[in-house]
Amino acid sequence: MFMYHAWGSQNAWLRQITTRNYLYLHPDTGTQHGIADEDWVTVASHHGEITVQAKFAGNVQPGTVWTWNAIGKRRGAWRLSKDAPEGDKGFLLNHLISDITPKGDYANADPVTGQAAWFDLRVSIRKAGASADATSIPAFDPLDYGDADGRPLRYGAWFRMK
């Protein structure tokens, strides 16, 4: 199985659209692995594993899983509230991706751009029990940046808040 992701959450306006991500997979892939729509799944690579919520999507190629990366945030990051959905329903793929290939003999990077080769990561998936508190795993202690003041989040605003 291959994993594909897209980037796009590093802006404030996207939070108005979605504050969490799913691992999208074709319904046939779900059936093949005993996974139902919105089940929690463990995704593993040669580098690590994550537990996240799956969502069926007929437009994902069978045998492939897909997500938006970087919607997950460590609780407290970006001065988001400690209970912001990005901190418990969102997730990152970084725990699955190594900077070297599985054999350890090459950089895991696109040969043209040098960008990390996240587009062709081999993963396995299996149904996981619902997370005890229905959160993505891994989860880390919140950062202690204090609460945001409610002003609209704008480019560079974090530096002015200090």
C-alpha atoms as a PDB file:
ATOM      1  CA  MET A   1       0.000   0.000   0.000  1.00  0.00           C
ATOM      2  CA  PHE A   2       1.233   3.530  -0.728  1.00  0.00           C
ATOM      3  CA  MET A   3       0.591   6.744   1.131  1.00  0.00           C
ATOM      4  CA  TYR A   4       0.010  10.071  -0.566  1.00  0.00           C
ATOM      5  CA  HIS A   5      -0.467  13.408   1.148  1.00  0.00           C
ATOM      6  CA  ALA A   6      -1.072  17.028   0.328  1.00  0.00           C
ATOM      7  CA  TRP A   7       0.087  20.071   2.269  1.00  0.00           C
ATOM      8  CA  GLY A   8      -2.035  23.107   2.875  1.00  0.00           C
ATOM      9  CA  SER A   9      -2.947  23.710   6.488  1.00  0.00           C
ATOM     10  CA  GLN A  10      -0.286  26.244   7.359  1.00  0.00           C
ATOM     11  CA  ASN A  11      -2.648  29.174   7.049  1.00  0.00           C
ATOM     12  CA  ALA A  12      -5.326  30.582   9.279  1.00  0.00           C
ATOM     13  CA  TRP A  13      -8.204  30.583   6.803  1.00  0.00           C
ATOM     14  CA  LEU A  14      -8.043  26.805   6.312  1.00  0.00           C
ATOM     15  CA  ARG A  15      -9.011  26.408   9.991  1.00  0.00           C
ATOM     16  CA  GLN A  16     -12.367  27.857   8.983  1.00  0.00           C
ATOM     17  CA  ILE A  17     -12.845  24.904   6.619  1.00  0.00           C
ATOM     18  CA  THR A  18     -11.375  22.007   8.580  1.00  0.00           C
ATOM     19  CA  THR A  19      -9.516  21.565  11.839  1.00  0.00           C
ATOM     20  CA  ARG A  20      -8.777  17.855  11.600  1.00  0.00           C
ATOM     21  CA  ASN A  21      -7.755  15.322   8.998  1.00  0.00           C
ATOM     22  CA  TYR A  22      -8.685  11.760   8.215  1.00  0.00           C
ATOM     23  CA  LEU A  23      -6.767   8.978   6.556  1.00  0.00           C
ATOM     24  CA  TYR A  24      -8.762   8.576   3.341  1.00  0.00           C
ATOM     25  CA  LEU A  25      -9.004   5.169   1.694  1.00  0.00           C
ATOM     26  CA  HIS A  26     -11.152   3.514  -0.943  1.00  0.00           C
ATOM     27  CA  PRO A  27     -14.073   1.448   0.453  1.00  0.00           C
ATOM     28  CA  ASP A  28     -12.660  -1.675  -1.250  1.00  0.00           C
ATOM     29  CA  THR A  29      -9.364  -1.166   0.586  1.00  0.00           C
ATOM     30  CA  GLY A  30     -11.302  -0.845   3.822  1.00  0.00           C
ATOM     31  CA  THR A  31     -13.182  -4.084   3.151  1.00  0.00           C
ATOM     32  CA  GLN A  32      -9.930  -5.869   2.299  1.00  0.00           C
ATOM     33  CA  HIS A  33      -8.473  -4.879   5.689  1.00  0.00           C
ATOM     34  CA  GLY A  34     -11.655  -5.256   7.782  1.00  0.00           C
ATOM     35  CA  ILE A  35     -11.945  -1.496   8.269  1.00  0.00           C
ATOM     36  CA  ALA A  36     -15.257   0.368   8.311  1.00  0.00           C
ATOM     37  CA  ASP A  37     -15.835   4.034   7.548  1.00  0.00           C
ATOM     38  CA  GLU A  38     -14.585   6.185  10.471  1.00  0.00           C
ATOM     39  CA  ASP A  39     -12.840   3.283  12.238  1.00  0.00           C
ATOM     40  CA  TRP A  40      -9.552   4.026  13.971  1.00  0.00           C
ATOM     41  CA  VAL A  41      -6.582   2.492  12.152  1.00  0.00           C
ATOM     42  CA  THR A  42      -2.905   2.015  12.834  1.00  0.00           C
ATOM     43  CA  VAL A  43      -0.679   3.013   9.935  1.00  0.00           C
ATOM     44  CA  ALA A  44       2.879   1.659  10.020  1.00  0.00           C
ATOM     45  CA  SER A  45       5.968   2.231   7.904  1.00  0.00           C
ATOM     46  CA  HIS A  46       9.586   1.125   8.218  1.00  0.00           C
ATOM     47  CA  HIS A  47      10.129   4.198  10.402  1.00  0.00           C
ATOM     48  CA  GLY A  48       7.191   4.332  12.831  1.00  0.00           C
ATOM     49  CA  GLU A  49       3.442   4.180  13.286  1.00  0.00           C
ATOM     50  CA  ILE A  50       0.445   6.379  14.003  1.00  0.00           C
ATOM     51  CA  THR A  51      -3.164   5.674  14.995  1.00  0.00           C
ATOM     52  CA  VAL A  52      -5.732   7.846  13.258  1.00  0.00           C
ATOM     53  CA  GLN A  53      -9.331   7.856  12.092  1.00  0.00           C
ATOM     54  CA  ALA A  54     -10.105   6.493   8.617  1.00  0.00           C
ATOM     55  CA  LYS A  55     -12.683   7.873   6.194  1.00  0.00           C
ATOM     56  CA  PHE A  56     -13.880   6.202   2.998  1.00  0.00           C
ATOM     57  CA  ALA A  57     -13.506   8.125  -0.244  1.00  0.00           C
ATOM     58  CA  GLY A  58     -14.371   6.610  -3.626  1.00  0.00           C
ATOM     59  CA  ASN A  59     -11.924   8.933  -5.374  1.00  0.00           C
ATOM     60  CA  VAL A  60      -8.844   7.407  -3.675  1.00  0.00           C
ATOM     61  CA  GLN A  61      -7.110   4.722  -5.722  1.00  0.00           C
ATOM     62  CA  PRO A  62      -7.598   1.247  -4.177  1.00  0.00           C
ATOM     63  CA  GLY A  63      -4.429   0.178  -2.367  1.00  0.00           C
ATOM     64  CA  THR A  64      -3.542   3.802  -1.582  1.00  0.00           C
ATOM     65  CA  VAL A  65      -4.237   5.921   1.482  1.00  0.00           C
ATOM     66  CA  TRP A  66      -4.257   9.721   1.400  1.00  0.00           C
ATOM     67  CA  THR A  67      -4.415  12.645   3.772  1.00  0.00           C
ATOM     68  CA  TRP A  68      -3.745  16.326   4.143  1.00  0.00           C
ATOM     69  CA  ASN A  69      -0.550  16.594   6.109  1.00  0.00           C
ATOM     70  CA  ALA A  70       0.209  19.169   8.784  1.00  0.00           C
ATOM     71  CA  ILE A  71      -3.342  19.687   9.996  1.00  0.00           C
ATOM     72  CA  GLY A  72      -2.345  17.982  13.222  1.00  0.00           C
ATOM     73  CA  LYS A  73      -0.735  20.318  15.714  1.00  0.00           C
ATOM     74  CA  ARG A  74       0.765  19.707  19.100  1.00  0.00           C
ATOM     75  CA  ARG A  75      -1.730  20.987  21.648  1.00  0.00           C
ATOM     76  CA  GLY A  76      -0.901  24.591  22.465  1.00  0.00           C
ATOM     77  CA  ALA A  77       1.045  25.171  19.222  1.00  0.00           C
ATOM     78  CA  TRP A  78       0.131  28.281  17.227  1.00  0.00           C
ATOM     79  CA  ARG A  79      -1.401  29.491  20.511  1.00  0.00           C
ATOM     80  CA  LEU A  80      -4.416  27.317  19.736  1.00  0.00           C
ATOM     81  CA  SER A  81      -6.525  26.393  22.719  1.00  0.00           C
ATOM     82  CA  LYS A  82      -5.455  23.212  24.490  1.00  0.00           C
ATOM     83  CA  ASP A  83      -8.648  21.500  23.291  1.00  0.00           C
ATOM     84  CA  ALA A  84      -8.418  22.588  19.622  1.00  0.00           C
ATOM     85  CA  PRO A  85      -9.345  19.697  17.268  1.00  0.00           C
ATOM     86  CA  GLU A  86      -5.945  19.878  15.552  1.00  0.00           C
ATOM     87  CA  GLY A  87      -4.413  18.631  18.800  1.00  0.00           C
ATOM     88  CA  ASP A  88      -6.467  15.466  19.189  1.00  0.00           C
ATOM     89  CA  LYS A  89      -8.137  14.652  15.842  1.00  0.00           C
ATOM     90  CA  GLY A  90      -5.458  15.989  13.508  1.00  0.00           C
ATOM     91  CA  PHE A  91      -2.237  14.103  12.838  1.00  0.00           C
ATOM     92  CA  LEU A  92       1.105  14.350  11.105  1.00  0.00           C
ATOM     93  CA  LEU A  93       2.824  11.862   8.823  1.00  0.00           C
ATOM     94  CA  ASN A  94       6.262  12.833  10.104  1.00  0.00           C
ATOM     95  CA  HIS A  95       6.296   9.841  12.461  1.00  0.00           C
ATOM     96  CA  LEU A  96       6.138   7.549   9.420  1.00  0.00           C
ATOM     97  CA  ILE A  97       8.724   9.214   7.200  1.00  0.00           C
ATOM     98  CA  SER A  98      12.467   8.765   7.457  1.00  0.00           C
ATOM     99  CA  ASP A  99      15.091  10.980   5.848  1.00  0.00           C
ATOM    100  CA  ILE A 100      16.741   7.869   4.393  1.00  0.00           C
ATOM    101  CA  THR A 101      15.357   4.956   2.389  1.00  0.00           C
ATOM    102  CA  PRO A 102      14.431   1.711   4.207  1.00  0.00           C
ATOM    103  CA  LYS A 103      17.801   0.114   3.330  1.00  0.00           C
ATOM    104  CA  GLY A 104      19.572   3.220   4.645  1.00  0.00           C
ATOM    105  CA  ASP A 105      21.632   3.683   1.503  1.00  0.00           C
ATOM    106  CA  TYR A 106      20.013   6.780  -0.070  1.00  0.00           C
ATOM    107  CA  ALA A 107      18.391  10.009   0.984  1.00  0.00           C
ATOM    108  CA  ASN A 108      14.599   9.690   0.944  1.00  0.00           C
ATOM    109  CA  ALA A 109      14.205  12.725  -1.288  1.00  0.00           C
ATOM    110  CA  ASP A 110      12.851  13.657  -4.683  1.00  0.00           C
ATOM    111  CA  PRO A 111      15.897  13.643  -6.980  1.00  0.00           C
ATOM    112  CA  VAL A 112      14.851  16.862  -8.729  1.00  0.00           C
ATOM    113  CA  THR A 113      13.689  19.110  -5.888  1.00  0.00           C
ATOM    114  CA  GLY A 114      15.359  17.531  -2.873  1.00  0.00           C
ATOM    115  CA  GLN A 115      11.979  17.606  -1.103  1.00  0.00           C
ATOM    116  CA  ALA A 116      11.302  14.697   1.243  1.00  0.00           C
ATOM    117  CA  ALA A 117       9.753  11.861  -0.776  1.00  0.00           C
ATOM    118  CA  TRP A 118       6.457  11.601   1.060  1.00  0.00           C
ATOM    119  CA  PHE A 119       4.541  10.709  -2.071  1.00  0.00           C
ATOM    120  CA  ASP A 120       5.624   7.085  -2.317  1.00  0.00           C
ATOM    121  CA  LEU A 121       5.835   5.842   1.244  1.00  0.00           C
ATOM    122  CA  ARG A 122       4.975   2.171   1.673  1.00  0.00           C
ATOM    123  CA  VAL A 123       2.707   1.618   4.652  1.00  0.00           C
ATOM    124  CA  SER A 124       0.551  -1.085   6.157  1.00  0.00           C
ATOM    125  CA  ILE A 125      -2.806  -0.476   7.799  1.00  0.00           C
ATOM    126  CA  ARG A 126      -4.776  -2.433  10.345  1.00  0.00           C
ATOM    127  CA  LYS A 127      -7.902  -1.773  12.320  1.00  0.00           C
ATOM    128  CA  ALA A 128      -7.184  -0.412  15.779  1.00  0.00           C
ATOM    129  CA  GLY A 129      -9.507  -0.282  18.714  1.00  0.00           C
ATOM    130  CA  ALA A 130     -10.973   3.153  19.238  1.00  0.00           C
ATOM    131  CA  SER A 131      -8.401   5.308  20.920  1.00  0.00           C
ATOM    132  CA  ALA A 132      -9.234   5.320  24.624  1.00  0.00           C
ATOM    133  CA  ASP A 133     -10.026   9.011  24.489  1.00  0.00           C
ATOM    134  CA  ALA A 134     -10.707   9.143  20.710  1.00  0.00           C
ATOM    135  CA  THR A 135      -7.490  10.966  19.874  1.00  0.00           C
ATOM    136  CA  SER A 136      -4.794  10.432  17.311  1.00  0.00           C
ATOM    137  CA  ILE A 137      -1.598   8.754  18.469  1.00  0.00           C
ATOM    138  CA  PRO A 138       1.107   9.811  19.118  1.00  0.00           C
ATOM    139  CA  ALA A 139       0.023  12.707  21.289  1.00  0.00           C
ATOM    140  CA  PHE A 140       2.340  14.940  23.273  1.00  0.00           C
ATOM    141  CA  ASP A 141       1.957  17.169  26.292  1.00  0.00           C
ATOM    142  CA  PRO A 142       0.659  20.623  25.377  1.00  0.00           C
ATOM    143  CA  LEU A 143       3.075  23.457  24.746  1.00  0.00           C
ATOM    144  CA  ASP A 144       2.703  26.221  27.294  1.00  0.00           C
ATOM    145  CA  TYR A 145       2.428  29.299  25.083  1.00  0.00           C
ATOM    146  CA  GLY A 146      -0.621  30.645  26.874  1.00  0.00           C
ATOM    147  CA  ASP A 147      -3.969  31.269  25.271  1.00  0.00           C
ATOM    148  CA  ALA A 148      -4.432  33.349  22.159  1.00  0.00           C
ATOM    149  CA  ASP A 149      -6.126  36.675  22.693  1.00  0.00           C
ATOM    150  CA  GLY A 150      -8.891  36.139  20.157  1.00  0.00           C
ATOM    151  CA  ARG A 151      -7.583  38.522  17.509  1.00  0.00           C
ATOM    152  CA  PRO A 152      -7.608  37.153  13.944  1.00  0.00           C
ATOM    153  CA  LEU A 153      -4.499  35.093  13.198  1.00  0.00           C
ATOM    154  CA  ARG A 154      -2.435  36.894  10.569  1.00  0.00           C
ATOM    155  CA  TYR A 155       0.996  36.361   9.072  1.00  0.00           C
ATOM    156  CA  GLY A 156       3.642  37.479  11.556  1.00  0.00           C
ATOM    157  CA  ALA A 157       1.094  38.071  14.334  1.00  0.00           C
ATOM    158  CA  TRP A 158       2.771  35.565  16.655  1.00  0.00           C
ATOM    159  CA  PHE A 159       5.892  37.736  16.814  1.00  0.00           C
ATOM    160  CA  ARG A 160       3.844  40.805  17.710  1.00  0.00           C
ATOM    161  CA  MET A 161       2.077  38.905  20.513  1.00  0.00           C
ATOM    162  CA  LYS A 162       5.303  38.257  22.440  1.00  0.00           C
END
